[in-house]
Amino acid sequence: MHGEYKIPGGKLVVVDLEQRGGVLRNVQVAGDFFLEPDEAITAINQSLEGASADTDLTGLAARIEAAVPEDTVMYGITAAGVAVAVRRALAEATDWTDYDWQVIHEAPQSPPLHMALDQVLTEEVAAGRRPPTLRVWEWASPAVIIGSFQSLRNEVDPEGADRHGVTVVRRISGGGAMFVERDNTITYSLSVPASLVSGLSFADSYAYLDDWVLAALGDIGVRAWYVPLNDIASKDGKIGGAAQKRIATGDGAVLHHVTMSYDIDADKMLDVLRIGKEKLSDKGTTSAKKRVDPLRRQTGLPRAEIIDRMIASFAQRYGLTEGAVTAEEMARAEELARTKFGSEEWTGRVA
């Protein structure tokens, strides 16, 4: 069995092993990390030899930490990262490069239709009828998108929304509210097979699926990093946030979508969103304006150029072909937009 894991902010860890009689045998850890002293790698391999195949991430990491010499220096590698690679080997997880990725970047669409497309395309990936897909959104109108479990009245000021012509919709994933305007945000979705994140904890899957965009931002001069559970940040504040939804039908799939601020109107956002003091204190700031650090200020680049460079970075890493929403997919999405995502019943399901 073979498992790979690119540690967020670190290096690639590769594990090859056999499973015999419910235990790990012939474990070999490799990768482009740095490790001193040399015998530490032998200690890591031996610590995993004979471990039960049912051992969880915490248990595997504990075995490694107990076995390595006291003076061991790990750079780009962690015990937890090796444990993840082991679990991915046992789960027979797939890798980004195992797939023929497709990118969809189409004309502006309504907020309810975007919500519906996320659901439909991810269901198609789960059913095996669509390849893993990167979809870049364009907004036809301003919107607030609230998380699946958020209270509508606690998150949105209806008078502010009406004043600014903002459509309020509810997505299928959890997480917090997003305020978006046409050309002021960069939003994308990844619809991926469940096997891509096999062996990863829910939290680890966020970092794993965000890793490519951190590299893409680095390519345009923005040093960004992942902040658990679902934020992307730079030294000046939050750039964006991610949310996920697992689809259990077929072979399973994961929807991972991200919104990043390009040139947000913070005053308008505060007029529409109700951002509580507790949330601000949790983020270590007293001002919602200070939480958001737009990419326009950081890069000086046009929004379209940032998107083009992000797509190019993804293509260079994993390959991409241009695609489109099929007529059947669009018909299903339009029906869902009308009957579900555009309905007061769905949007207000958590009043």
Protein backbone atom coordinates (compact mmCIF):
# COMPACT_ATOMS: atom_id res chain seq x y z
CA MET A 1 0.00 0.00 0.00
CA HIS A 2 1.18 3.50 -0.86
CA GLY A 3 0.21 6.78 0.77
CA GLU A 4 1.33 10.37 0.22
CA TYR A 5 0.68 13.53 2.21
CA LYS A 6 1.97 17.04 1.57
CA ILE A 7 2.19 18.54 5.03
CA PRO A 8 0.71 22.07 4.95
CA GLY A 9 3.64 24.46 5.12
CA GLY A 10 5.98 21.47 5.05
CA LYS A 11 7.24 18.74 2.77
CA LEU A 12 5.93 15.61 1.07
CA VAL A 13 5.79 12.44 3.17
CA VAL A 14 5.50 9.10 1.37
CA VAL A 15 4.72 5.81 3.12
CA ASP A 16 4.88 2.34 1.60
CA LEU A 17 3.70 -0.59 3.71
CA GLU A 18 2.03 -3.96 3.74
CA GLN A 19 -0.93 -5.00 5.87
CA ARG A 20 -0.78 -8.61 7.03
CA GLY A 21 -2.96 -10.11 9.71
CA GLY A 22 -4.37 -6.71 10.58
CA VAL A 23 -0.98 -5.17 11.39
CA LEU A 24 1.54 -3.01 9.51
CA ARG A 25 4.59 -4.70 8.01
CA ASN A 26 7.62 -3.55 5.97
CA VAL A 27 6.90 0.12 6.66
CA GLN A 28 9.09 2.56 4.76
CA VAL A 29 8.81 6.33 5.20
CA ALA A 30 10.38 8.61 2.60
CA GLY A 31 10.05 12.14 1.26
CA ASP A 32 11.78 15.46 0.58
CA PHE A 33 11.83 16.49 4.24
CA PHE A 34 14.88 17.08 6.46
CA LEU A 35 15.61 14.86 9.45
CA GLU A 36 18.51 14.62 11.90
CA PRO A 37 20.09 12.34 13.01
CA ASP A 38 20.05 9.81 10.18
CA GLU A 39 18.96 6.98 12.46
CA ALA A 40 15.71 8.83 13.20
CA ILE A 41 14.20 7.53 9.95
CA THR A 42 14.94 3.96 11.04
CA ALA A 43 13.33 4.66 14.40
CA ILE A 44 10.21 6.01 12.66
CA ASN A 45 9.94 2.95 10.42
CA GLN A 46 10.42 0.56 13.35
CA SER A 47 7.89 2.42 15.50
CA LEU A 48 5.18 1.68 12.95
CA GLU A 49 6.16 -1.95 12.37
CA GLY A 50 3.56 -4.23 13.93
CA ALA A 51 1.08 -1.46 14.70
CA SER A 52 -2.57 -2.41 14.36
CA ALA A 53 -4.06 -1.28 11.07
CA ASP A 54 -6.90 0.20 13.12
CA THR A 55 -4.64 2.58 15.06
CA ASP A 56 -5.91 6.13 14.70
CA LEU A 57 -3.88 9.23 13.83
CA THR A 58 -3.19 10.12 17.46
CA GLY A 59 -2.00 6.61 18.27
CA LEU A 60 0.31 6.41 15.27
CA ALA A 61 1.82 9.82 16.00
CA ALA A 62 2.39 8.81 19.64
CA ARG A 63 4.29 5.69 18.58
CA ILE A 64 6.57 7.80 16.39
CA GLU A 65 7.19 10.47 19.03
CA ALA A 66 8.07 7.85 21.61
CA ALA A 67 10.54 6.11 19.31
CA VAL A 68 12.66 8.89 17.81
CA PRO A 69 15.90 9.93 19.58
CA GLU A 70 15.60 12.86 22.00
CA ASP A 71 17.84 15.07 19.87
CA THR A 72 15.81 14.50 16.69
CA VAL A 73 15.24 17.58 14.54
CA MET A 74 12.34 17.43 12.10
CA TYR A 75 12.04 20.04 9.37
CA GLY A 76 9.14 19.79 6.94
CA ILE A 77 7.98 16.59 8.62
CA THR A 78 5.93 15.89 11.74
CA ALA A 79 4.86 12.73 13.51
CA ALA A 80 1.26 13.68 12.80
CA GLY A 81 2.07 14.13 9.11
CA VAL A 82 3.60 10.65 8.90
CA ALA A 83 0.52 9.26 10.64
CA VAL A 84 -1.72 10.87 8.02
CA ALA A 85 0.35 9.32 5.21
CA VAL A 86 -0.02 5.92 6.88
CA ARG A 87 -3.79 6.29 7.17
CA ARG A 88 -3.98 7.40 3.53
CA ALA A 89 -2.01 4.31 2.49
CA LEU A 90 -4.37 2.06 4.42
CA ALA A 91 -7.40 3.84 2.94
CA GLU A 92 -5.93 3.52 -0.56
CA ALA A 93 -6.34 7.25 -1.02
CA THR A 94 -5.89 8.85 -4.41
CA ASP A 95 -3.69 11.83 -5.28
CA TRP A 96 -4.35 15.07 -7.18
CA THR A 97 -2.33 13.84 -10.15
CA ASP A 98 -4.41 10.66 -10.46
CA TYR A 99 -7.20 12.62 -12.17
CA ASP A 100 -7.93 14.55 -15.34
CA TRP A 101 -9.08 17.83 -13.84
CA GLN A 102 -11.58 20.13 -15.53
CA VAL A 103 -11.99 23.87 -15.02
CA ILE A 104 -15.28 25.72 -15.47
CA HIS A 105 -15.30 29.52 -15.65
CA GLU A 106 -18.51 30.81 -17.16
CA ALA A 107 -20.59 33.98 -17.36
CA PRO A 108 -22.06 35.63 -14.23
CA GLN A 109 -24.89 33.68 -12.61
CA SER A 110 -27.45 34.38 -9.91
CA PRO A 111 -26.69 33.51 -6.26
CA PRO A 112 -29.32 30.71 -6.06
CA LEU A 113 -27.95 29.16 -9.25
CA HIS A 114 -24.40 29.14 -7.86
CA MET A 115 -25.65 27.26 -4.78
CA ALA A 116 -27.41 24.76 -7.00
CA LEU A 117 -24.45 24.25 -9.31
CA ASP A 118 -22.25 23.37 -6.35
CA GLN A 119 -24.65 20.63 -5.33
CA VAL A 120 -25.27 19.26 -8.83
CA LEU A 121 -21.64 19.18 -9.97
CA THR A 122 -20.46 17.53 -6.76
CA GLU A 123 -23.20 14.92 -7.03
CA GLU A 124 -22.05 14.25 -10.60
CA VAL A 125 -18.48 13.72 -9.39
CA ALA A 126 -19.76 11.31 -6.72
CA ALA A 127 -21.67 9.39 -9.39
CA GLY A 128 -18.59 9.15 -11.60
CA ARG A 129 -20.23 11.07 -14.44
CA ARG A 130 -17.98 14.13 -14.11
CA PRO A 131 -14.22 14.44 -13.54
CA PRO A 132 -12.94 16.37 -10.51
CA THR A 133 -13.76 20.00 -11.22
CA LEU A 134 -12.45 23.44 -10.34
CA ARG A 135 -15.25 25.97 -10.87
CA VAL A 136 -14.58 29.71 -10.70
CA TRP A 137 -17.68 31.76 -9.95
CA GLU A 138 -18.81 35.06 -11.44
CA TRP A 139 -21.60 36.92 -9.64
CA ALA A 140 -24.56 38.46 -11.43
CA SER A 141 -25.66 40.40 -8.33
CA PRO A 142 -24.52 41.14 -4.76
CA ALA A 143 -25.30 38.48 -2.21
CA VAL A 144 -24.94 37.22 1.32
CA ILE A 145 -24.38 33.49 1.51
CA ILE A 146 -25.04 32.04 4.93
CA GLY A 147 -23.88 28.66 6.19
CA SER A 148 -26.20 25.68 6.30
CA PHE A 149 -26.72 25.92 10.06
CA GLN A 150 -26.65 29.68 10.64
CA SER A 151 -29.60 31.66 11.95
CA LEU A 152 -30.90 34.01 9.27
CA ARG A 153 -31.96 36.74 11.70
CA ASN A 154 -28.69 36.57 13.64
CA GLU A 155 -26.51 36.93 10.55
CA VAL A 156 -28.32 39.33 8.20
CA ASP A 157 -29.90 42.76 8.66
CA PRO A 158 -32.88 42.58 6.27
CA GLU A 159 -33.16 46.35 5.98
CA GLY A 160 -29.49 46.64 5.05
CA ALA A 161 -29.85 43.84 2.51
CA ASP A 162 -32.86 45.55 0.92
CA ARG A 163 -31.09 48.91 0.93
CA HIS A 164 -28.20 47.55 -1.09
CA GLY A 165 -30.11 45.12 -3.31
CA VAL A 166 -28.44 42.10 -1.73
CA THR A 167 -29.86 38.62 -2.30
CA VAL A 168 -29.63 36.31 0.71
CA VAL A 169 -29.12 32.59 0.02
CA ARG A 170 -28.21 29.57 2.11
CA ARG A 171 -25.57 27.09 0.94
CA ILE A 172 -25.38 23.34 1.68
CA SER A 173 -22.08 23.60 3.56
CA GLY A 174 -21.53 24.83 7.11
CA GLY A 175 -19.39 27.77 8.17
CA GLY A 176 -20.02 31.49 8.32
CA ALA A 177 -21.67 34.16 6.24
CA MET A 178 -20.02 35.65 3.16
CA PHE A 179 -20.72 39.07 1.66
CA VAL A 180 -20.02 39.24 -2.07
CA GLU A 181 -20.35 41.78 -4.84
CA ARG A 182 -19.65 41.42 -8.51
CA ASP A 183 -15.91 41.83 -9.20
CA ASN A 184 -15.11 42.35 -5.49
CA THR A 185 -14.50 38.72 -4.53
CA ILE A 186 -12.83 35.64 -5.96
CA THR A 187 -14.91 32.53 -5.34
CA TYR A 188 -14.19 29.00 -6.49
CA SER A 189 -15.36 25.46 -5.80
CA LEU A 190 -13.56 22.14 -5.87
CA SER A 191 -15.78 19.12 -6.48
CA VAL A 192 -13.55 16.11 -5.76
CA PRO A 193 -13.90 12.36 -5.21
CA ALA A 194 -14.02 11.33 -1.55
CA SER A 195 -10.94 9.15 -2.14
CA LEU A 196 -8.81 12.28 -2.56
CA VAL A 197 -9.19 13.05 1.14
CA SER A 198 -9.29 9.45 2.40
CA GLY A 199 -7.30 9.03 5.59
CA LEU A 200 -7.52 12.73 6.43
CA SER A 201 -9.41 14.11 9.38
CA PHE A 202 -12.10 16.67 8.60
CA ALA A 203 -9.77 19.46 9.75
CA ASP A 204 -6.79 18.11 7.78
CA SER A 205 -8.86 17.96 4.61
CA TYR A 206 -9.31 21.75 4.72
CA ALA A 207 -5.58 22.36 4.82
CA TYR A 208 -4.98 19.70 2.15
CA LEU A 209 -7.51 21.15 -0.30
CA ASP A 210 -6.33 24.72 0.36
CA ASP A 211 -2.65 23.97 -0.24
CA TRP A 212 -2.72 24.67 -3.98
CA VAL A 213 -4.25 28.13 -3.57
CA LEU A 214 -1.62 29.10 -0.99
CA ALA A 215 1.02 28.25 -3.60
CA ALA A 216 -0.93 30.18 -6.25
CA LEU A 217 -1.09 33.24 -4.00
CA GLY A 218 2.64 32.89 -3.39
CA ASP A 219 3.20 33.01 -7.14
CA ILE A 220 1.66 36.52 -7.21
CA GLY A 221 3.60 37.73 -4.21
CA VAL A 222 1.12 37.09 -1.39
CA ARG A 223 2.51 35.06 1.47
CA ALA A 224 -0.58 33.36 2.81
CA TRP A 225 -1.21 30.49 5.16
CA TYR A 226 -3.97 28.27 6.45
CA VAL A 227 -5.55 29.16 9.81
CA PRO A 228 -7.60 26.32 11.33
CA LEU A 229 -10.33 25.50 10.78
CA ASN A 230 -11.22 27.25 7.55
CA ASP A 231 -9.46 30.60 7.05
CA ILE A 232 -6.77 31.77 4.63
CA ALA A 233 -4.76 34.67 6.01
CA SER A 234 -1.73 36.89 5.49
CA LYS A 235 0.21 39.04 7.95
CA ASP A 236 -2.37 41.81 7.59
CA GLY A 237 -5.51 39.77 8.20
CA LYS A 238 -7.96 37.32 6.74
CA ILE A 239 -8.01 36.91 2.95
CA GLY A 240 -10.75 34.34 2.66
CA GLY A 241 -12.60 31.41 4.12
CA ALA A 242 -13.50 27.88 3.08
CA ALA A 243 -16.44 25.56 3.69
CA GLN A 244 -17.10 21.91 2.89
CA LYS A 245 -19.92 19.48 2.32
CA ARG A 246 -19.63 15.70 2.03
CA ILE A 247 -21.84 13.97 -0.56
CA ALA A 248 -22.55 10.38 0.42
CA THR A 249 -24.18 9.12 -2.79
CA GLY A 250 -22.31 6.97 -5.32
CA ASP A 251 -18.63 6.66 -4.45
CA GLY A 252 -18.81 9.85 -2.42
CA ALA A 253 -17.48 13.33 -3.11
CA VAL A 254 -16.44 16.48 -1.30
CA LEU A 255 -17.46 20.03 -2.10
CA HIS A 256 -14.80 22.50 -0.96
CA HIS A 257 -15.50 26.13 -1.80
CA VAL A 258 -13.57 29.29 -0.98
CA THR A 259 -14.35 33.00 -1.14
CA MET A 260 -11.46 35.48 -1.06
CA SER A 261 -11.79 39.24 -0.80
CA TYR A 262 -10.51 41.21 -3.78
CA ASP A 263 -11.80 44.74 -3.04
CA ILE A 264 -14.54 44.47 -0.44
CA ASP A 265 -16.71 47.42 0.60
CA ALA A 266 -16.38 46.98 4.36
CA ASP A 267 -18.93 49.68 5.23
CA LYS A 268 -21.57 48.05 3.05
CA MET A 269 -20.69 44.63 4.45
CA LEU A 270 -21.22 45.89 8.00
CA ASP A 271 -24.55 47.43 6.98
CA VAL A 272 -25.76 44.04 5.76
CA LEU A 273 -24.11 41.53 8.10
CA ARG A 274 -24.58 41.30 11.85
CA ILE A 275 -21.10 40.47 13.10
CA GLY A 276 -21.20 39.81 16.82
CA LYS A 277 -18.62 40.86 19.37
CA GLU A 278 -17.98 37.23 20.29
CA LYS A 279 -16.93 36.40 16.73
CA LEU A 280 -14.64 39.41 16.55
CA SER A 281 -12.98 38.56 19.86
CA ASP A 282 -12.43 35.01 18.65
CA LYS A 283 -10.50 36.46 15.70
CA GLY A 284 -8.39 38.68 17.93
CA THR A 285 -9.74 42.02 16.68
CA THR A 286 -12.34 44.59 17.67
CA SER A 287 -13.13 45.72 14.13
CA ALA A 288 -14.62 43.66 11.32
CA LYS A 289 -12.88 45.95 8.85
CA LYS A 290 -9.51 44.88 10.21
CA ARG A 291 -10.36 41.22 9.69
CA VAL A 292 -10.37 41.47 5.90
CA ASP A 293 -7.28 42.22 3.82
CA PRO A 294 -8.26 42.48 0.13
CA LEU A 295 -6.09 41.01 -2.60
CA ARG A 296 -6.31 44.17 -4.70
CA ARG A 297 -4.34 46.11 -2.09
CA GLN A 298 -1.84 43.31 -1.59
CA THR A 299 -1.11 42.62 -5.26
CA GLY A 300 -2.06 45.70 -7.28
CA LEU A 301 -3.28 43.27 -9.95
CA PRO A 302 -6.62 43.26 -11.76
CA ARG A 303 -9.03 40.65 -10.45
CA ALA A 304 -9.13 38.84 -13.80
CA GLU A 305 -5.34 38.51 -13.82
CA ILE A 306 -5.30 37.02 -10.34
CA ILE A 307 -7.89 34.44 -11.42
CA ASP A 308 -5.94 33.62 -14.59
CA ARG A 309 -2.77 33.14 -12.58
CA MET A 310 -4.54 30.94 -10.04
CA ILE A 311 -5.91 28.72 -12.80
CA ALA A 312 -2.47 28.57 -14.43
CA SER A 313 -0.88 27.58 -11.13
CA PHE A 314 -3.39 24.76 -10.65
CA ALA A 315 -2.84 23.59 -14.23
CA GLN A 316 0.92 23.54 -13.78
CA ARG A 317 0.63 21.43 -10.64
CA TYR A 318 -2.08 18.98 -11.63
CA GLY A 319 -3.16 19.61 -15.23
CA LEU A 320 -6.45 21.13 -16.39
CA THR A 321 -8.71 21.02 -19.40
CA GLU A 322 -11.42 23.59 -20.08
CA GLY A 323 -14.93 22.34 -19.50
CA ALA A 324 -18.48 23.56 -19.18
CA VAL A 325 -21.66 22.80 -17.32
CA THR A 326 -23.60 20.34 -19.46
CA ALA A 327 -27.17 21.03 -20.56
CA GLU A 328 -28.44 18.29 -18.25
CA GLU A 329 -26.47 19.63 -15.29
CA MET A 330 -27.73 23.15 -15.94
CA ALA A 331 -31.33 22.00 -16.17
CA ARG A 332 -31.05 20.24 -12.82
CA ALA A 333 -29.33 23.25 -11.27
CA GLU A 334 -31.95 25.68 -12.54
CA GLU A 335 -34.70 23.49 -11.10
CA LEU A 336 -32.90 23.36 -7.73
CA ALA A 337 -32.34 27.11 -7.81
CA ARG A 338 -36.07 27.60 -8.25
CA THR A 339 -37.42 24.98 -5.86
CA LYS A 340 -34.74 24.96 -3.14
CA PHE A 341 -32.08 27.65 -3.07
CA GLY A 342 -34.35 30.46 -4.17
CA SER A 343 -37.12 29.50 -1.75
CA GLU A 344 -37.92 31.23 1.53
CA GLU A 345 -38.38 27.82 3.12
CA TRP A 346 -34.74 26.81 2.52
CA THR A 347 -33.19 30.21 3.18
CA GLY A 348 -35.13 30.61 6.42
CA ARG A 349 -34.92 27.01 7.59
CA VAL A 350 -32.89 28.21 10.61
CA ALA A 351 -34.72 31.41 11.42
